[in-house]
């Protein structure tokens, strides 16, 4: 495996964590969303990742992170009885999103640190390559 492949792997990790941060930010922005229907209320979304493994026998030596998609949370929707609310349904209920802001903040911190780790890997690899080139001088 070449040192240049490390840049591709770290780049795929940074791209995945950037998507994770954007999804988390969207969830946090919709924490207080309400609706008159369970079907229309905002549901938390989470990206699904998988590792791209190195398989030299099949001819490719690339690793990294692959985004498989974004799934909606299956956590229950909160229903609140508030007949005076303008979005209340016929029974007087308003439905709130299933976003847990504390879990989303922890997720954001984790994604941010993972992104920083991938940046550090790319920077260290760059420094190693530069030192290797300087040895030939």
C-alpha atoms as a PDB file:
ATOM      1  CA  UNK A   1       0.000   0.000   0.000  1.00  0.00           C
ATOM      2  CA  UNK A   2       1.366   3.353  -1.031  1.00  0.00           C
ATOM      3  CA  UNK A   3       1.468   6.342   1.260  1.00  0.00           C
ATOM      4  CA  UNK A   4      -0.578   8.149  -1.386  1.00  0.00           C
ATOM      5  CA  UNK A   5      -3.532   5.816  -0.697  1.00  0.00           C
ATOM      6  CA  UNK A   6      -3.629   7.154   2.844  1.00  0.00           C
ATOM      7  CA  UNK A   7      -4.774  10.506   1.469  1.00  0.00           C
ATOM      8  CA  UNK A   8      -7.693   8.803  -0.288  1.00  0.00           C
ATOM      9  CA  UNK A   9      -8.640   6.884   2.843  1.00  0.00           C
ATOM     10  CA  UNK A  10      -8.391   9.944   5.101  1.00  0.00           C
ATOM     11  CA  UNK A  11     -10.318  11.953   2.516  1.00  0.00           C
ATOM     12  CA  UNK A  12     -13.152   9.433   2.453  1.00  0.00           C
ATOM     13  CA  UNK A  13     -13.222   9.545   6.257  1.00  0.00           C
ATOM     14  CA  UNK A  14     -13.395  13.342   6.252  1.00  0.00           C
ATOM     15  CA  UNK A  15     -16.163  13.270   3.655  1.00  0.00           C
ATOM     16  CA  UNK A  16     -18.156  10.762   5.720  1.00  0.00           C
ATOM     17  CA  UNK A  17     -17.745  12.778   8.924  1.00  0.00           C
ATOM     18  CA  UNK A  18     -18.736  15.961   7.085  1.00  0.00           C
ATOM     19  CA  UNK A  19     -21.969  14.253   6.008  1.00  0.00           C
ATOM     20  CA  UNK A  20     -22.485  13.091   9.598  1.00  0.00           C
ATOM     21  CA  UNK A  21     -22.002  16.665  10.877  1.00  0.00           C
ATOM     22  CA  UNK A  22     -24.455  18.058   8.307  1.00  0.00           C
ATOM     23  CA  UNK A  23     -27.066  15.432   9.164  1.00  0.00           C
ATOM     24  CA  UNK A  24     -26.652  16.132  12.872  1.00  0.00           C
ATOM     25  CA  UNK A  25     -26.968  19.877  12.275  1.00  0.00           C
ATOM     26  CA  UNK A  26     -30.191  19.259  10.340  1.00  0.00           C
ATOM     27  CA  UNK A  27     -31.519  17.151  13.210  1.00  0.00           C
ATOM     28  CA  UNK A  28     -30.671  19.839  15.757  1.00  0.00           C
ATOM     29  CA  UNK A  29     -32.330  22.509  13.605  1.00  0.00           C
ATOM     30  CA  UNK A  30     -35.536  20.455  13.618  1.00  0.00           C
ATOM     31  CA  UNK A  31     -35.561  19.527  17.305  1.00  0.00           C
ATOM     32  CA  UNK A  32     -38.630  21.650  18.027  1.00  0.00           C
ATOM     33  CA  UNK A  33     -40.505  20.865  14.807  1.00  0.00           C
ATOM     34  CA  UNK A  34     -44.196  20.116  15.229  1.00  0.00           C
ATOM     35  CA  UNK A  35     -46.903  18.781  12.974  1.00  0.00           C
ATOM     36  CA  UNK A  36     -50.565  17.877  13.068  1.00  0.00           C
ATOM     37  CA  UNK A  37     -49.855  14.398  11.681  1.00  0.00           C
ATOM     38  CA  UNK A  38     -47.528  11.571  12.668  1.00  0.00           C
ATOM     39  CA  UNK A  39     -46.701  11.041   8.997  1.00  0.00           C
ATOM     40  CA  UNK A  40     -45.576  14.641   8.432  1.00  0.00           C
ATOM     41  CA  UNK A  41     -43.500  15.268  11.557  1.00  0.00           C
ATOM     42  CA  UNK A  42     -39.719  15.486  11.219  1.00  0.00           C
ATOM     43  CA  UNK A  43     -37.892  12.278  12.124  1.00  0.00           C
ATOM     44  CA  UNK A  44     -34.214  12.251  13.077  1.00  0.00           C
ATOM     45  CA  UNK A  45     -31.919  11.070  10.313  1.00  0.00           C
ATOM     46  CA  UNK A  46     -28.627   9.214  10.635  1.00  0.00           C
ATOM     47  CA  UNK A  47     -26.064   8.247   7.989  1.00  0.00           C
ATOM     48  CA  UNK A  48     -25.035   4.602   7.621  1.00  0.00           C
ATOM     49  CA  UNK A  49     -21.388   3.869   6.818  1.00  0.00           C
ATOM     50  CA  UNK A  50     -19.418   0.785   5.908  1.00  0.00           C
ATOM     51  CA  UNK A  51     -15.710   0.114   5.595  1.00  0.00           C
ATOM     52  CA  UNK A  52     -14.222  -0.406   2.160  1.00  0.00           C
ATOM     53  CA  UNK A  53     -11.740  -3.156   2.833  1.00  0.00           C
ATOM     54  CA  UNK A  54      -8.424  -3.713   1.142  1.00  0.00           C
ATOM     55  CA  UNK A  55      -8.594  -6.770  -1.130  1.00  0.00           C
ATOM     56  CA  UNK A  56      -5.313  -7.225  -3.005  1.00  0.00           C
ATOM     57  CA  UNK A  57      -6.425 -10.591  -4.424  1.00  0.00           C
ATOM     58  CA  UNK A  58      -9.190  -8.918  -6.422  1.00  0.00           C
ATOM     59  CA  UNK A  59      -6.851  -6.261  -7.761  1.00  0.00           C
ATOM     60  CA  UNK A  60      -7.805  -3.209  -5.754  1.00  0.00           C
ATOM     61  CA  UNK A  61      -5.924  -1.903  -2.780  1.00  0.00           C
ATOM     62  CA  UNK A  62      -8.114   1.000  -1.810  1.00  0.00           C
ATOM     63  CA  UNK A  63      -9.666   1.310   1.631  1.00  0.00           C
ATOM     64  CA  UNK A  64     -11.823   3.921   3.231  1.00  0.00           C
ATOM     65  CA  UNK A  65     -15.384   4.693   4.191  1.00  0.00           C
ATOM     66  CA  UNK A  66     -18.484   4.267   2.040  1.00  0.00           C
ATOM     67  CA  UNK A  67     -21.787   6.014   2.719  1.00  0.00           C
ATOM     68  CA  UNK A  68     -24.556   3.425   2.335  1.00  0.00           C
ATOM     69  CA  UNK A  69     -27.360   5.919   2.849  1.00  0.00           C
ATOM     70  CA  UNK A  70     -29.307   7.929   5.381  1.00  0.00           C
ATOM     71  CA  UNK A  71     -31.992   6.276   7.501  1.00  0.00           C
ATOM     72  CA  UNK A  72     -34.768   7.779   9.600  1.00  0.00           C
ATOM     73  CA  UNK A  73     -34.853   7.055  13.317  1.00  0.00           C
ATOM     74  CA  UNK A  74     -37.464   4.596  14.514  1.00  0.00           C
ATOM     75  CA  UNK A  75     -37.723   6.280  17.928  1.00  0.00           C
ATOM     76  CA  UNK A  76     -41.313   7.082  18.894  1.00  0.00           C
ATOM     77  CA  UNK A  77     -42.833  10.434  18.007  1.00  0.00           C
ATOM     78  CA  UNK A  78     -43.906  12.544  20.984  1.00  0.00           C
ATOM     79  CA  UNK A  79     -47.574  13.476  21.043  1.00  0.00           C
ATOM     80  CA  UNK A  80     -48.682  16.375  23.238  1.00  0.00           C
ATOM     81  CA  UNK A  81     -52.252  17.313  24.004  1.00  0.00           C
ATOM     82  CA  UNK A  82     -52.587  21.015  23.183  1.00  0.00           C
ATOM     83  CA  UNK A  83     -55.950  21.821  21.567  1.00  0.00           C
ATOM     84  CA  UNK A  84     -55.132  25.560  21.467  1.00  0.00           C
ATOM     85  CA  UNK A  85     -52.083  25.028  19.217  1.00  0.00           C
ATOM     86  CA  UNK A  86     -52.703  26.083  15.588  1.00  0.00           C
ATOM     87  CA  UNK A  87     -51.342  22.736  14.295  1.00  0.00           C
ATOM     88  CA  UNK A  88     -53.413  20.568  16.641  1.00  0.00           C
ATOM     89  CA  UNK A  89     -55.292  17.764  14.911  1.00  0.00           C
ATOM     90  CA  UNK A  90     -59.016  17.055  15.396  1.00  0.00           C
ATOM     91  CA  UNK A  91     -58.279  15.232  18.678  1.00  0.00           C
ATOM     92  CA  UNK A  92     -56.220  18.194  20.008  1.00  0.00           C
ATOM     93  CA  UNK A  93     -52.793  16.564  19.671  1.00  0.00           C
ATOM     94  CA  UNK A  94     -49.611  18.110  18.295  1.00  0.00           C
ATOM     95  CA  UNK A  95     -46.779  15.781  17.257  1.00  0.00           C
ATOM     96  CA  UNK A  96     -43.161  16.674  18.045  1.00  0.00           C
ATOM     97  CA  UNK A  97     -40.044  15.358  16.308  1.00  0.00           C
ATOM     98  CA  UNK A  98     -38.159  12.406  17.781  1.00  0.00           C
ATOM     99  CA  UNK A  99     -34.809  14.252  17.841  1.00  0.00           C
ATOM    100  CA  UNK A 100     -32.881  13.845  21.109  1.00  0.00           C
ATOM    101  CA  UNK A 101     -30.773  17.023  21.336  1.00  0.00           C
ATOM    102  CA  UNK A 102     -28.386  15.588  23.938  1.00  0.00           C
ATOM    103  CA  UNK A 103     -27.624  12.527  21.799  1.00  0.00           C
ATOM    104  CA  UNK A 104     -27.236  14.763  18.746  1.00  0.00           C
ATOM    105  CA  UNK A 105     -24.730  17.005  20.539  1.00  0.00           C
ATOM    106  CA  UNK A 106     -22.710  13.942  21.576  1.00  0.00           C
ATOM    107  CA  UNK A 107     -22.877  12.715  17.975  1.00  0.00           C
ATOM    108  CA  UNK A 108     -21.678  16.101  16.738  1.00  0.00           C
ATOM    109  CA  UNK A 109     -18.711  16.079  19.111  1.00  0.00           C
ATOM    110  CA  UNK A 110     -17.783  12.555  18.045  1.00  0.00           C
ATOM    111  CA  UNK A 111     -18.022  13.413  14.336  1.00  0.00           C
ATOM    112  CA  UNK A 112     -15.943  16.555  14.842  1.00  0.00           C
ATOM    113  CA  UNK A 113     -13.191  14.613  16.613  1.00  0.00           C
ATOM    114  CA  UNK A 114     -13.226  11.897  13.962  1.00  0.00           C
ATOM    115  CA  UNK A 115     -12.878  14.553  11.288  1.00  0.00           C
ATOM    116  CA  UNK A 116      -9.934  16.093  13.173  1.00  0.00           C
ATOM    117  CA  UNK A 117      -8.283  12.664  13.455  1.00  0.00           C
ATOM    118  CA  UNK A 118      -8.529  12.169   9.691  1.00  0.00           C
ATOM    119  CA  UNK A 119      -6.993  15.608   9.129  1.00  0.00           C
ATOM    120  CA  UNK A 120      -4.131  14.669  11.478  1.00  0.00           C
ATOM    121  CA  UNK A 121      -3.554  11.418   9.566  1.00  0.00           C
ATOM    122  CA  UNK A 122      -3.374  13.278   6.255  1.00  0.00           C
ATOM    123  CA  UNK A 123      -1.029  15.896   7.732  1.00  0.00           C
ATOM    124  CA  UNK A 124       1.281  13.270   9.259  1.00  0.00           C
ATOM    125  CA  UNK A 125       1.395  11.375   5.958  1.00  0.00           C
ATOM    126  CA  UNK A 126       2.282  14.578   4.144  1.00  0.00           C
ATOM    127  CA  UNK A 127       5.111  15.259   6.583  1.00  0.00           C
ATOM    128  CA  UNK A 128       6.440  11.703   6.170  1.00  0.00           C
ATOM    129  CA  UNK A 129       6.402  12.024   2.390  1.00  0.00           C
ATOM    130  CA  UNK A 130       8.216  15.360   2.539  1.00  0.00           C
ATOM    131  CA  UNK A 131      10.891  13.933   4.832  1.00  0.00           C
ATOM    132  CA  UNK A 132      11.315  10.955   2.528  1.00  0.00           C
ATOM    133  CA  UNK A 133      11.856  13.310  -0.409  1.00  0.00           C
ATOM    134  CA  UNK A 134      14.358  15.342   1.593  1.00  0.00           C
ATOM    135  CA  UNK A 135      16.418  12.199   2.250  1.00  0.00           C
ATOM    136  CA  UNK A 136      17.219  12.024  -1.467  1.00  0.00           C
ATOM    137  CA  UNK A 137      18.778  15.480  -1.545  1.00  0.00           C
END
